[in-house]
N, C-alpha and C. Protein backbone atom coordinates (compact mmCIF):
# COMPACT_ATOMS: atom_id res chain seq x y z
N UNK A 1 -37.17 -16.53 -33.81
CA UNK A 1 -36.97 -15.14 -34.12
C UNK A 1 -37.64 -14.25 -33.07
N UNK A 2 -38.80 -14.65 -32.61
CA UNK A 2 -39.52 -13.88 -31.61
C UNK A 2 -38.74 -13.86 -30.30
N UNK A 3 -38.14 -14.99 -29.95
CA UNK A 3 -37.35 -15.06 -28.72
C UNK A 3 -36.15 -14.13 -28.78
N UNK A 4 -35.47 -14.08 -29.94
CA UNK A 4 -34.32 -13.20 -30.13
C UNK A 4 -34.74 -11.74 -30.00
N UNK A 5 -35.87 -11.38 -30.58
CA UNK A 5 -36.36 -10.00 -30.48
C UNK A 5 -36.69 -9.65 -29.03
N UNK A 6 -37.26 -10.60 -28.28
CA UNK A 6 -37.56 -10.40 -26.87
C UNK A 6 -36.27 -10.14 -26.08
N UNK A 7 -35.21 -10.89 -26.35
CA UNK A 7 -33.93 -10.72 -25.65
C UNK A 7 -33.33 -9.36 -25.94
N UNK A 8 -33.34 -8.95 -27.21
CA UNK A 8 -32.79 -7.65 -27.59
C UNK A 8 -33.58 -6.52 -26.94
N UNK A 9 -34.90 -6.61 -26.96
CA UNK A 9 -35.74 -5.57 -26.37
C UNK A 9 -35.52 -5.46 -24.86
N UNK A 10 -35.35 -6.59 -24.20
CA UNK A 10 -35.15 -6.54 -22.75
C UNK A 10 -33.80 -5.96 -22.37
N UNK A 11 -32.81 -6.12 -23.23
CA UNK A 11 -31.49 -5.52 -22.97
C UNK A 11 -31.50 -4.03 -23.30
N UNK A 12 -32.13 -3.66 -24.41
CA UNK A 12 -32.14 -2.29 -24.89
C UNK A 12 -32.80 -1.34 -23.89
N UNK A 13 -33.76 -1.80 -23.15
CA UNK A 13 -34.45 -0.91 -22.21
C UNK A 13 -33.53 -0.37 -21.12
N UNK A 14 -32.37 -1.03 -20.88
CA UNK A 14 -31.45 -0.57 -19.84
C UNK A 14 -30.31 0.28 -20.38
N UNK A 15 -30.24 0.45 -21.69
CA UNK A 15 -29.19 1.27 -22.27
C UNK A 15 -29.56 2.74 -22.15
N UNK A 16 -28.56 3.62 -21.92
CA UNK A 16 -28.85 5.06 -21.84
C UNK A 16 -29.22 5.61 -23.22
N UNK A 17 -30.13 6.59 -23.23
CA UNK A 17 -30.57 7.20 -24.48
C UNK A 17 -30.04 8.63 -24.58
N UNK A 18 -29.69 9.00 -25.79
CA UNK A 18 -29.36 10.39 -26.09
C UNK A 18 -30.70 11.09 -26.30
N UNK A 19 -31.09 11.97 -25.38
CA UNK A 19 -32.44 12.54 -25.40
C UNK A 19 -32.69 13.43 -26.62
N UNK A 20 -31.69 14.02 -27.21
CA UNK A 20 -31.91 14.89 -28.36
C UNK A 20 -32.25 14.10 -29.62
N UNK A 21 -31.63 12.92 -29.78
CA UNK A 21 -31.80 12.18 -31.02
C UNK A 21 -32.51 10.85 -30.82
N UNK A 22 -32.78 10.43 -29.59
CA UNK A 22 -33.44 9.17 -29.34
C UNK A 22 -32.58 7.96 -29.62
N UNK A 23 -31.25 8.17 -29.79
CA UNK A 23 -30.36 7.06 -30.08
C UNK A 23 -29.76 6.51 -28.79
N UNK A 24 -29.35 5.26 -28.86
CA UNK A 24 -28.67 4.65 -27.73
C UNK A 24 -27.20 5.04 -27.77
N UNK A 25 -26.65 5.39 -26.62
CA UNK A 25 -25.24 5.77 -26.55
C UNK A 25 -24.56 4.98 -25.44
N UNK A 26 -23.32 4.76 -25.60
CA UNK A 26 -22.52 4.15 -24.54
C UNK A 26 -21.85 5.29 -23.78
N UNK A 27 -21.67 5.13 -22.51
CA UNK A 27 -21.08 6.20 -21.69
C UNK A 27 -19.63 6.41 -22.11
N UNK A 28 -19.33 7.61 -22.58
CA UNK A 28 -17.97 7.93 -23.00
C UNK A 28 -17.06 8.16 -21.80
N UNK A 29 -17.61 8.50 -20.69
CA UNK A 29 -16.81 8.83 -19.51
C UNK A 29 -16.85 7.73 -18.46
N UNK A 30 -16.90 6.48 -18.89
CA UNK A 30 -16.93 5.39 -17.92
C UNK A 30 -15.60 5.34 -17.16
N UNK A 31 -15.67 4.86 -15.95
CA UNK A 31 -14.48 4.80 -15.10
C UNK A 31 -13.66 3.58 -15.47
N UNK A 32 -12.36 3.79 -15.60
CA UNK A 32 -11.44 2.73 -15.98
C UNK A 32 -10.50 2.43 -14.81
N UNK A 33 -9.91 1.24 -14.82
CA UNK A 33 -8.89 0.87 -13.84
C UNK A 33 -7.54 0.99 -14.53
N UNK A 34 -6.61 1.77 -13.96
CA UNK A 34 -5.30 1.93 -14.61
C UNK A 34 -4.45 0.67 -14.47
N UNK A 35 -3.58 0.40 -15.44
CA UNK A 35 -2.66 -0.73 -15.31
C UNK A 35 -1.65 -0.46 -14.19
N UNK A 36 -1.25 -1.53 -13.49
CA UNK A 36 -0.35 -1.38 -12.35
C UNK A 36 0.72 -2.46 -12.35
N UNK A 37 1.87 -2.10 -11.78
CA UNK A 37 2.97 -3.03 -11.55
C UNK A 37 3.27 -3.06 -10.06
N UNK A 38 3.73 -4.22 -9.55
CA UNK A 38 4.10 -4.28 -8.14
C UNK A 38 5.31 -5.19 -7.95
N UNK A 39 6.06 -4.88 -6.90
CA UNK A 39 7.21 -5.68 -6.48
C UNK A 39 7.31 -5.53 -4.97
N UNK A 40 8.10 -6.40 -4.33
CA UNK A 40 8.20 -6.33 -2.87
C UNK A 40 9.58 -6.74 -2.38
N UNK A 41 9.84 -6.34 -1.16
CA UNK A 41 10.95 -6.81 -0.33
C UNK A 41 10.32 -7.25 0.98
N UNK A 42 11.14 -7.71 1.92
CA UNK A 42 10.55 -8.18 3.17
C UNK A 42 9.94 -7.05 3.99
N UNK A 43 10.35 -5.80 3.76
CA UNK A 43 9.85 -4.68 4.56
C UNK A 43 9.01 -3.66 3.79
N UNK A 44 8.91 -3.80 2.45
CA UNK A 44 8.19 -2.78 1.67
C UNK A 44 7.61 -3.37 0.39
N UNK A 45 6.70 -2.60 -0.18
CA UNK A 45 6.06 -2.93 -1.45
C UNK A 45 6.17 -1.73 -2.36
N UNK A 46 6.53 -1.97 -3.62
CA UNK A 46 6.48 -0.93 -4.65
C UNK A 46 5.23 -1.17 -5.47
N UNK A 47 4.49 -0.08 -5.71
CA UNK A 47 3.31 -0.15 -6.55
C UNK A 47 3.39 1.00 -7.54
N UNK A 48 3.33 0.69 -8.82
CA UNK A 48 3.40 1.71 -9.87
C UNK A 48 2.08 1.73 -10.61
N UNK A 49 1.42 2.88 -10.58
CA UNK A 49 0.20 3.08 -11.35
C UNK A 49 0.62 3.72 -12.67
N UNK A 50 0.41 3.00 -13.75
CA UNK A 50 0.87 3.45 -15.06
C UNK A 50 -0.21 4.30 -15.72
N UNK A 51 -0.25 5.56 -15.33
CA UNK A 51 -1.22 6.50 -15.86
C UNK A 51 -0.53 7.84 -16.04
N UNK A 52 -0.50 8.32 -17.26
CA UNK A 52 0.20 9.57 -17.53
C UNK A 52 -0.75 10.76 -17.47
N UNK A 53 -0.16 11.93 -17.31
CA UNK A 53 -0.90 13.19 -17.27
C UNK A 53 -2.01 13.19 -16.22
N UNK A 54 -1.69 12.75 -15.02
CA UNK A 54 -2.69 12.63 -13.96
C UNK A 54 -3.09 14.02 -13.46
N UNK A 55 -4.42 14.22 -13.39
CA UNK A 55 -4.97 15.47 -12.88
C UNK A 55 -6.03 15.13 -11.84
N UNK A 56 -6.19 16.00 -10.89
CA UNK A 56 -7.23 15.86 -9.86
C UNK A 56 -7.14 14.51 -9.14
N UNK A 57 -5.95 14.12 -8.74
CA UNK A 57 -5.79 12.81 -8.10
C UNK A 57 -6.26 12.86 -6.64
N UNK A 58 -6.90 11.78 -6.25
CA UNK A 58 -7.31 11.58 -4.86
C UNK A 58 -6.71 10.25 -4.43
N UNK A 59 -5.80 10.31 -3.45
CA UNK A 59 -5.12 9.13 -2.96
C UNK A 59 -5.43 8.98 -1.48
N UNK A 60 -5.97 7.84 -1.11
CA UNK A 60 -6.28 7.56 0.28
C UNK A 60 -5.65 6.21 0.64
N UNK A 61 -4.55 6.28 1.39
CA UNK A 61 -3.83 5.08 1.82
C UNK A 61 -4.10 4.86 3.31
N UNK A 62 -4.71 3.74 3.64
CA UNK A 62 -4.94 3.37 5.03
C UNK A 62 -4.09 2.14 5.35
N UNK A 63 -4.22 1.64 6.57
CA UNK A 63 -3.40 0.48 6.94
C UNK A 63 -3.84 -0.80 6.24
N UNK A 64 -5.01 -0.82 5.62
CA UNK A 64 -5.51 -2.03 4.97
C UNK A 64 -5.71 -1.89 3.46
N UNK A 65 -5.86 -0.66 2.95
CA UNK A 65 -6.19 -0.52 1.54
C UNK A 65 -5.70 0.79 0.95
N UNK A 66 -5.71 0.84 -0.37
CA UNK A 66 -5.36 2.04 -1.13
C UNK A 66 -6.54 2.34 -2.06
N UNK A 67 -7.00 3.60 -2.00
CA UNK A 67 -8.02 4.08 -2.93
C UNK A 67 -7.36 5.14 -3.79
N UNK A 68 -7.45 4.97 -5.12
CA UNK A 68 -6.87 5.92 -6.06
C UNK A 68 -7.95 6.32 -7.05
N UNK A 69 -8.06 7.64 -7.26
CA UNK A 69 -9.02 8.17 -8.23
C UNK A 69 -8.39 9.38 -8.88
N UNK A 70 -8.42 9.43 -10.22
CA UNK A 70 -7.83 10.57 -10.94
C UNK A 70 -8.31 10.57 -12.38
N UNK A 71 -8.16 11.71 -13.02
CA UNK A 71 -8.34 11.82 -14.46
C UNK A 71 -6.96 11.76 -15.07
N UNK A 72 -6.83 11.03 -16.18
CA UNK A 72 -5.52 10.93 -16.80
C UNK A 72 -5.54 10.11 -18.06
N UNK A 73 -4.35 9.86 -18.57
CA UNK A 73 -4.20 9.15 -19.84
C UNK A 73 -4.20 10.13 -20.99
N UNK A 74 -4.02 9.62 -22.19
CA UNK A 74 -3.95 10.52 -23.35
C UNK A 74 -5.30 11.17 -23.66
N UNK A 75 -6.40 10.56 -23.19
CA UNK A 75 -7.71 11.15 -23.43
C UNK A 75 -8.34 11.73 -22.17
N UNK A 76 -7.59 11.83 -21.08
CA UNK A 76 -8.00 12.46 -19.82
C UNK A 76 -9.32 11.89 -19.29
N UNK A 77 -9.42 10.57 -19.25
CA UNK A 77 -10.62 9.90 -18.75
C UNK A 77 -10.48 9.58 -17.26
N UNK A 78 -11.59 9.42 -16.55
CA UNK A 78 -11.51 9.08 -15.13
C UNK A 78 -11.05 7.63 -14.91
N UNK A 79 -10.16 7.46 -13.93
CA UNK A 79 -9.64 6.16 -13.53
C UNK A 79 -9.83 6.03 -12.03
N UNK A 80 -10.14 4.82 -11.58
CA UNK A 80 -10.35 4.60 -10.15
C UNK A 80 -10.07 3.14 -9.81
N UNK A 81 -9.51 2.92 -8.62
CA UNK A 81 -9.26 1.56 -8.16
C UNK A 81 -9.21 1.53 -6.63
N UNK A 82 -9.68 0.42 -6.07
CA UNK A 82 -9.56 0.14 -4.64
C UNK A 82 -8.77 -1.15 -4.50
N UNK A 83 -7.69 -1.11 -3.73
CA UNK A 83 -6.86 -2.28 -3.49
C UNK A 83 -6.87 -2.60 -2.01
N UNK A 84 -7.28 -3.81 -1.65
CA UNK A 84 -7.20 -4.24 -0.27
C UNK A 84 -5.97 -5.14 -0.15
N UNK A 85 -4.97 -4.69 0.63
CA UNK A 85 -3.68 -5.37 0.72
C UNK A 85 -3.79 -6.72 1.41
N UNK A 86 -2.84 -7.58 1.13
CA UNK A 86 -2.78 -8.91 1.74
C UNK A 86 -2.62 -8.81 3.25
N UNK A 87 -1.81 -7.84 3.70
CA UNK A 87 -1.58 -7.63 5.12
C UNK A 87 -1.53 -6.12 5.39
N UNK A 88 -1.43 -5.74 6.64
CA UNK A 88 -1.44 -4.32 7.01
C UNK A 88 -0.15 -3.62 6.59
N UNK A 89 -0.28 -2.31 6.33
CA UNK A 89 0.85 -1.46 5.96
C UNK A 89 0.88 -0.25 6.90
N UNK A 90 1.97 0.53 6.81
CA UNK A 90 2.11 1.73 7.64
C UNK A 90 1.96 2.95 6.72
N UNK A 91 0.78 3.58 6.70
CA UNK A 91 0.57 4.71 5.78
C UNK A 91 1.46 5.92 6.08
N UNK A 92 1.77 6.14 7.36
CA UNK A 92 2.57 7.32 7.73
C UNK A 92 4.00 7.23 7.19
N UNK A 93 4.55 6.02 7.07
CA UNK A 93 5.92 5.85 6.58
C UNK A 93 5.98 5.58 5.08
N UNK A 94 4.85 5.58 4.42
CA UNK A 94 4.80 5.30 2.98
C UNK A 94 4.85 6.60 2.20
N UNK A 95 5.31 6.49 0.95
CA UNK A 95 5.48 7.68 0.11
C UNK A 95 4.93 7.40 -1.28
N UNK A 96 4.63 8.49 -2.02
CA UNK A 96 4.29 8.34 -3.43
C UNK A 96 4.88 9.50 -4.21
N UNK A 97 5.12 9.25 -5.50
CA UNK A 97 5.73 10.26 -6.37
C UNK A 97 5.06 10.21 -7.74
N UNK A 98 4.61 11.36 -8.22
CA UNK A 98 4.02 11.48 -9.54
C UNK A 98 5.09 11.98 -10.50
N UNK A 99 5.51 11.12 -11.42
CA UNK A 99 6.56 11.49 -12.37
C UNK A 99 6.02 12.11 -13.65
N UNK A 100 4.71 12.16 -13.80
CA UNK A 100 4.10 12.66 -15.02
C UNK A 100 3.70 11.51 -15.94
N UNK A 101 4.44 10.43 -15.92
CA UNK A 101 4.13 9.25 -16.72
C UNK A 101 3.50 8.14 -15.90
N UNK A 102 3.78 8.16 -14.58
CA UNK A 102 3.20 7.17 -13.68
C UNK A 102 3.29 7.68 -12.24
N UNK A 103 2.62 6.97 -11.34
CA UNK A 103 2.68 7.31 -9.93
C UNK A 103 3.28 6.10 -9.21
N UNK A 104 4.39 6.33 -8.50
CA UNK A 104 5.11 5.26 -7.83
C UNK A 104 4.89 5.37 -6.33
N UNK A 105 4.45 4.28 -5.72
CA UNK A 105 4.24 4.21 -4.29
C UNK A 105 5.32 3.33 -3.67
N UNK A 106 5.87 3.76 -2.54
CA UNK A 106 6.74 2.94 -1.71
C UNK A 106 5.98 2.76 -0.40
N UNK A 107 5.46 1.57 -0.19
CA UNK A 107 4.56 1.30 0.92
C UNK A 107 5.26 0.39 1.92
N UNK A 108 5.36 0.84 3.16
CA UNK A 108 6.02 0.06 4.22
C UNK A 108 5.07 -0.98 4.80
N UNK A 109 5.57 -2.20 4.94
CA UNK A 109 4.77 -3.27 5.55
C UNK A 109 4.78 -3.10 7.07
N UNK A 110 3.68 -3.41 7.70
CA UNK A 110 3.59 -3.29 9.15
C UNK A 110 4.35 -4.41 9.86
N UNK A 111 4.13 -5.65 9.44
CA UNK A 111 4.80 -6.80 10.05
C UNK A 111 5.99 -7.18 9.17
N UNK A 112 7.14 -6.55 9.42
CA UNK A 112 8.32 -6.77 8.59
C UNK A 112 8.98 -8.12 8.85
N UNK A 113 8.73 -8.71 10.02
CA UNK A 113 9.32 -10.01 10.31
C UNK A 113 8.58 -11.13 9.57
N UNK A 114 7.36 -10.87 9.12
CA UNK A 114 6.59 -11.89 8.41
C UNK A 114 7.19 -12.19 7.04
N UNK A 115 7.99 -11.27 6.52
CA UNK A 115 8.66 -11.51 5.24
C UNK A 115 7.78 -11.20 4.05
N UNK A 116 7.98 -12.00 3.01
CA UNK A 116 7.32 -11.76 1.73
C UNK A 116 5.86 -12.21 1.75
N UNK A 117 5.02 -11.43 1.09
CA UNK A 117 3.62 -11.78 0.94
C UNK A 117 3.50 -12.75 -0.25
N UNK A 118 2.55 -13.67 -0.19
CA UNK A 118 2.36 -14.54 -1.35
C UNK A 118 1.71 -13.82 -2.53
N UNK A 119 1.06 -12.69 -2.26
CA UNK A 119 0.44 -11.87 -3.31
C UNK A 119 0.22 -10.47 -2.73
N UNK A 120 -0.09 -9.51 -3.57
CA UNK A 120 -0.30 -8.14 -3.11
C UNK A 120 -1.66 -7.96 -2.45
N UNK A 121 -2.68 -8.57 -3.00
CA UNK A 121 -4.04 -8.32 -2.55
C UNK A 121 -4.57 -9.46 -1.68
N UNK A 122 -5.52 -9.11 -0.84
CA UNK A 122 -6.16 -10.10 0.02
C UNK A 122 -6.92 -11.15 -0.81
N UNK A 123 -7.55 -10.70 -1.87
CA UNK A 123 -8.31 -11.59 -2.74
C UNK A 123 -7.35 -12.53 -3.48
N UNK A 124 -7.71 -13.81 -3.55
CA UNK A 124 -6.83 -14.79 -4.20
C UNK A 124 -6.93 -14.74 -5.73
N UNK A 125 -7.98 -14.12 -6.25
CA UNK A 125 -8.13 -14.00 -7.70
C UNK A 125 -7.21 -12.89 -8.22
N UNK A 126 -6.42 -13.20 -9.25
CA UNK A 126 -5.48 -12.22 -9.80
C UNK A 126 -6.23 -11.25 -10.72
N UNK A 127 -6.17 -9.95 -10.40
CA UNK A 127 -6.85 -8.97 -11.26
C UNK A 127 -6.10 -8.77 -12.58
N UNK A 128 -6.84 -8.48 -13.64
CA UNK A 128 -6.26 -8.32 -14.97
C UNK A 128 -5.35 -7.11 -15.10
N UNK A 129 -5.52 -6.11 -14.28
CA UNK A 129 -4.78 -4.86 -14.40
C UNK A 129 -3.47 -4.85 -13.61
N UNK A 130 -3.19 -5.89 -12.82
CA UNK A 130 -2.03 -5.94 -11.94
C UNK A 130 -1.01 -6.94 -12.45
N UNK A 131 0.22 -6.45 -12.69
CA UNK A 131 1.30 -7.29 -13.19
C UNK A 131 2.51 -7.18 -12.25
N UNK A 132 3.43 -8.11 -12.37
CA UNK A 132 4.66 -8.10 -11.58
C UNK A 132 5.67 -7.16 -12.22
N UNK A 133 6.32 -6.34 -11.40
CA UNK A 133 7.37 -5.44 -11.87
C UNK A 133 8.71 -6.16 -11.73
N UNK A 134 9.14 -6.82 -12.79
CA UNK A 134 10.35 -7.63 -12.72
C UNK A 134 11.61 -6.78 -12.64
N UNK A 135 11.53 -5.48 -12.98
CA UNK A 135 12.69 -4.60 -12.82
C UNK A 135 13.01 -4.36 -11.35
N UNK A 136 12.02 -4.40 -10.50
CA UNK A 136 12.22 -4.15 -9.07
C UNK A 136 12.08 -5.42 -8.22
N UNK A 137 11.62 -6.50 -8.82
CA UNK A 137 11.35 -7.72 -8.07
C UNK A 137 12.64 -8.38 -7.60
N UNK A 138 12.58 -8.96 -6.40
CA UNK A 138 13.67 -9.77 -5.87
C UNK A 138 13.06 -10.87 -5.04
N UNK A 139 13.50 -12.10 -5.26
CA UNK A 139 12.95 -13.22 -4.52
C UNK A 139 13.40 -13.21 -3.08
N UNK A 140 12.63 -13.87 -2.25
CA UNK A 140 12.91 -13.92 -0.82
C UNK A 140 14.22 -14.63 -0.52
N UNK A 141 14.59 -15.59 -1.33
CA UNK A 141 15.81 -16.36 -1.07
C UNK A 141 17.06 -15.77 -1.72
N UNK A 142 16.96 -14.60 -2.36
CA UNK A 142 18.15 -13.93 -2.90
C UNK A 142 19.06 -13.52 -1.75
N UNK A 143 20.35 -13.38 -2.03
CA UNK A 143 21.32 -13.10 -0.97
C UNK A 143 21.08 -11.74 -0.33
N UNK A 144 21.41 -11.66 0.95
CA UNK A 144 21.24 -10.41 1.68
C UNK A 144 22.29 -9.37 1.28
N UNK A 145 23.37 -9.79 0.65
CA UNK A 145 24.41 -8.85 0.22
C UNK A 145 23.85 -7.88 -0.81
N UNK A 146 22.83 -8.30 -1.56
CA UNK A 146 22.24 -7.43 -2.57
C UNK A 146 21.19 -6.50 -1.99
N UNK A 147 20.91 -6.60 -0.70
CA UNK A 147 19.89 -5.75 -0.08
C UNK A 147 20.28 -4.29 -0.05
N UNK A 148 21.59 -4.01 -0.06
CA UNK A 148 22.03 -2.62 -0.03
C UNK A 148 21.83 -2.02 -1.41
N UNK A 149 20.70 -1.39 -1.63
CA UNK A 149 20.36 -0.82 -2.93
C UNK A 149 20.89 0.60 -3.10
N UNK A 150 21.49 1.15 -2.09
CA UNK A 150 21.93 2.54 -2.14
C UNK A 150 23.43 2.67 -2.34
N UNK A 151 24.08 1.65 -2.92
CA UNK A 151 25.51 1.76 -3.14
C UNK A 151 25.78 2.76 -4.26
N UNK A 152 27.00 3.33 -4.22
CA UNK A 152 27.35 4.38 -5.16
C UNK A 152 27.97 3.86 -6.44
N UNK A 153 28.31 4.77 -7.32
CA UNK A 153 28.90 4.42 -8.60
C UNK A 153 30.28 3.81 -8.40
N UNK A 154 31.08 4.32 -7.44
CA UNK A 154 32.41 3.76 -7.19
C UNK A 154 32.32 2.30 -6.78
N UNK A 155 31.39 1.98 -5.89
CA UNK A 155 31.23 0.59 -5.45
C UNK A 155 30.83 -0.31 -6.62
N UNK A 156 29.94 0.21 -7.46
CA UNK A 156 29.49 -0.59 -8.59
C UNK A 156 30.65 -0.82 -9.57
N UNK A 157 31.45 0.19 -9.83
CA UNK A 157 32.59 0.05 -10.74
C UNK A 157 33.61 -0.94 -10.18
N UNK A 158 33.83 -0.89 -8.86
CA UNK A 158 34.76 -1.84 -8.24
C UNK A 158 34.25 -3.26 -8.37
N UNK A 159 32.96 -3.46 -8.21
CA UNK A 159 32.39 -4.80 -8.34
C UNK A 159 32.51 -5.31 -9.76
N UNK A 160 32.47 -4.42 -10.73
CA UNK A 160 32.53 -4.82 -12.13
C UNK A 160 33.96 -4.88 -12.65
N UNK A 161 34.95 -4.60 -11.79
CA UNK A 161 36.33 -4.64 -12.23
C UNK A 161 36.76 -3.37 -12.92
N UNK A 162 36.10 -2.30 -12.67
CA UNK A 162 36.42 -1.03 -13.31
C UNK A 162 37.49 -0.26 -12.56
N UNK A 163 37.64 0.99 -12.89
CA UNK A 163 38.65 1.87 -12.33
C UNK A 163 38.38 2.13 -10.85
N UNK A 164 39.42 2.04 -10.04
CA UNK A 164 39.29 2.36 -8.62
C UNK A 164 40.32 3.43 -8.26
N UNK A 165 40.14 4.14 -7.13
CA UNK A 165 41.00 5.27 -6.81
C UNK A 165 42.49 4.94 -6.73
N UNK A 166 42.90 3.73 -6.44
CA UNK A 166 44.33 3.39 -6.34
C UNK A 166 44.95 3.01 -7.66
N UNK A 167 44.25 3.16 -8.76
CA UNK A 167 44.74 2.71 -10.05
C UNK A 167 45.55 3.77 -10.80
N UNK A 168 45.75 4.97 -10.26
CA UNK A 168 46.48 6.02 -10.98
C UNK A 168 47.92 5.61 -11.25
N UNK A 169 48.59 4.95 -10.29
CA UNK A 169 49.99 4.56 -10.46
C UNK A 169 50.12 3.48 -11.52
N UNK A 170 49.16 2.65 -11.68
CA UNK A 170 49.23 1.56 -12.65
C UNK A 170 49.13 2.07 -14.07
N UNK A 171 48.58 3.26 -14.28
CA UNK A 171 48.44 3.79 -15.62
C UNK A 171 49.79 4.12 -16.25
N UNK A 172 50.77 4.51 -15.45
CA UNK A 172 52.08 4.92 -15.97
C UNK A 172 53.01 3.74 -16.21
N UNK A 173 52.67 2.54 -15.76
CA UNK A 173 53.52 1.38 -15.95
C UNK A 173 53.50 0.96 -17.41
N UNK A 174 54.67 0.37 -17.89
CA UNK A 174 54.77 -0.14 -19.25
C UNK A 174 53.93 -1.40 -19.37
N UNK A 175 53.37 -1.58 -20.50
CA UNK A 175 52.54 -2.75 -20.76
C UNK A 175 52.97 -3.35 -22.09
N UNK A 176 52.95 -4.66 -22.20
CA UNK A 176 53.39 -5.30 -23.43
C UNK A 176 52.45 -4.96 -24.59
N UNK A 177 51.26 -4.57 -24.30
CA UNK A 177 50.32 -4.18 -25.35
C UNK A 177 50.67 -2.83 -25.96
N UNK A 178 51.54 -2.05 -25.27
CA UNK A 178 51.91 -0.73 -25.76
C UNK A 178 53.02 -0.79 -26.80
N UNK A 179 53.65 -1.98 -27.05
CA UNK A 179 54.73 -2.10 -28.03
C UNK A 179 54.19 -1.82 -29.42
N UNK A 180 55.12 -1.37 -30.29
CA UNK A 180 54.73 -1.09 -31.67
C UNK A 180 54.42 -2.38 -32.39
N UNK A 181 53.45 -2.32 -33.26
CA UNK A 181 53.08 -3.48 -34.06
C UNK A 181 53.90 -3.49 -35.33
N UNK A 182 54.25 -4.66 -35.85
CA UNK A 182 55.02 -4.71 -37.10
C UNK A 182 54.16 -4.23 -38.27
N UNK A 183 54.84 -3.73 -39.31
CA UNK A 183 54.13 -3.25 -40.50
C UNK A 183 53.47 -4.42 -41.21
N UNK A 184 52.31 -4.16 -41.78
CA UNK A 184 51.60 -5.16 -42.56
C UNK A 184 52.13 -5.17 -43.97
N UNK A 185 52.32 -6.29 -44.59
CA UNK A 185 52.86 -6.44 -45.95
C UNK A 185 51.80 -6.25 -46.98
């Protein structure tokens, strides 16, 4: 029992005290790491910081790392993270967009011939706050025909067998499905 009391007392001495009441308090404004999603192509990386209502954001993107600091979330608490990339990036050609619900980064890789990175960060340990964005993810061995991500609605409809501009004449043709159906008994 004495040993347990000694352990508790040695820990308690490092806890912050509320000076008005002499009680121990936990820091309400501790810094948090926002949840993130990432995906890549051979020439770029997408990074999504999932933090809504971002205020007072400080973003510092260098060729080796990204530093993000902001207040946000439903309780407007401070969030901060430092990411050291697996390889160098081009900060001047990279962009970010704050949608109000998250911040999306499009980061250009410096060595585009090197292809896909085995991971986003230099550190081999996977951080708990970083997940794969499977909506944007594409494997390195996927076909190059799918690389054109900027195709229009007409191209997509043609690929799916939908209406195309030369189909107006076909609409006026008779079809066996247009015949009257016999009465039901």
